Amino acid sequence: AEELHWALGQISPLHSECIVLHYLEGFTLDEIGLIVESPIGTVKSRIYYAKKALRDLLSTEVPDHEAQ
């Protein structure tokens, strides 16, 4: 969970917002569209690119941010 929160902080706020709303808060794509005031296609795109960025970040070595 700590690595995921770190990775969410590394991606675009627009992307991380959609990921958090969908996967952590349980909102539907339609509901997210209303919340972020964007069309559903934009929400889907943000989630797609956020998942790709998170996958890339989490597949590499995560820095020891506890030491910071």
Protein backbone atom coordinates (compact mmCIF):
# COMPACT_ATOMS: atom_id res chain seq x y z
CA ALA A 1 0.00 0.00 0.00
CA GLU A 2 2.86 2.36 0.79
CA GLU A 3 4.40 1.84 -2.65
CA LEU A 4 1.05 2.50 -4.31
CA HIS A 5 0.58 5.76 -2.42
CA TRP A 6 4.12 6.78 -3.36
CA ALA A 7 3.45 5.98 -7.03
CA LEU A 8 0.14 7.89 -6.99
CA GLY A 9 2.09 10.93 -5.85
CA GLN A 10 4.43 10.60 -8.82
CA ILE A 11 1.80 10.76 -11.57
CA SER A 12 -0.36 13.63 -12.77
CA PRO A 13 -2.92 14.82 -10.22
CA LEU A 14 -5.65 14.49 -12.86
CA HIS A 15 -4.71 10.86 -13.41
CA SER A 16 -4.30 9.95 -9.76
CA GLU A 17 -7.64 11.59 -8.91
CA CYS A 18 -9.48 9.32 -11.35
CA ILE A 19 -7.66 6.22 -10.07
CA VAL A 20 -8.46 7.05 -6.46
CA LEU A 21 -12.09 7.83 -7.19
CA HIS A 22 -12.60 4.64 -9.20
CA TYR A 23 -10.53 1.98 -7.46
CA LEU A 24 -10.29 3.26 -3.90
CA GLU A 25 -13.56 5.15 -3.49
CA GLY A 26 -15.67 2.93 -5.76
CA PHE A 27 -17.23 5.58 -7.99
CA THR A 28 -18.50 4.61 -11.45
CA LEU A 29 -17.04 6.18 -14.56
CA ASP A 30 -20.20 8.26 -14.99
CA GLU A 31 -19.96 9.52 -11.41
CA ILE A 32 -16.29 10.39 -11.85
CA GLY A 33 -17.15 12.33 -15.00
CA LEU A 34 -19.59 14.43 -12.99
CA ILE A 35 -17.11 14.94 -10.15
CA VAL A 36 -14.19 16.01 -12.35
CA GLU A 37 -16.48 17.75 -14.86
CA SER A 38 -15.14 15.79 -17.82
CA PRO A 39 -16.68 13.50 -20.42
CA ILE A 40 -16.59 9.76 -19.72
CA GLY A 41 -14.10 9.29 -22.56
CA THR A 42 -11.67 11.60 -20.79
CA VAL A 43 -12.16 9.71 -17.52
CA LYS A 44 -11.47 6.39 -19.28
CA SER A 45 -8.36 7.86 -20.91
CA ARG A 46 -7.04 9.22 -17.61
CA ILE A 47 -7.54 5.86 -15.91
CA TYR A 48 -5.84 4.02 -18.78
CA TYR A 49 -2.78 6.27 -18.76
CA ALA A 50 -2.66 6.35 -14.96
CA LYS A 51 -2.64 2.54 -14.81
CA LYS A 52 0.14 2.45 -17.40
CA ALA A 53 2.21 5.01 -15.47
CA LEU A 54 1.64 3.19 -12.17
CA ARG A 55 2.59 -0.13 -13.76
CA ASP A 56 5.81 1.41 -15.08
CA LEU A 57 6.65 3.04 -11.74
CA LEU A 58 5.91 -0.03 -9.66
CA SER A 59 7.83 -2.38 -11.94
CA THR A 60 11.03 -0.42 -11.32
CA GLU A 61 12.82 -0.12 -8.02
CA VAL A 62 10.95 2.11 -5.61
CA PRO A 63 13.29 4.54 -3.83
CA ASP A 64 13.58 4.33 -0.06
CA HIS A 65 11.48 7.40 0.67
CA GLU A 66 11.37 6.65 4.40
CA ALA A 67 14.94 7.90 4.64
CA GLN A 68 13.94 11.29 3.21
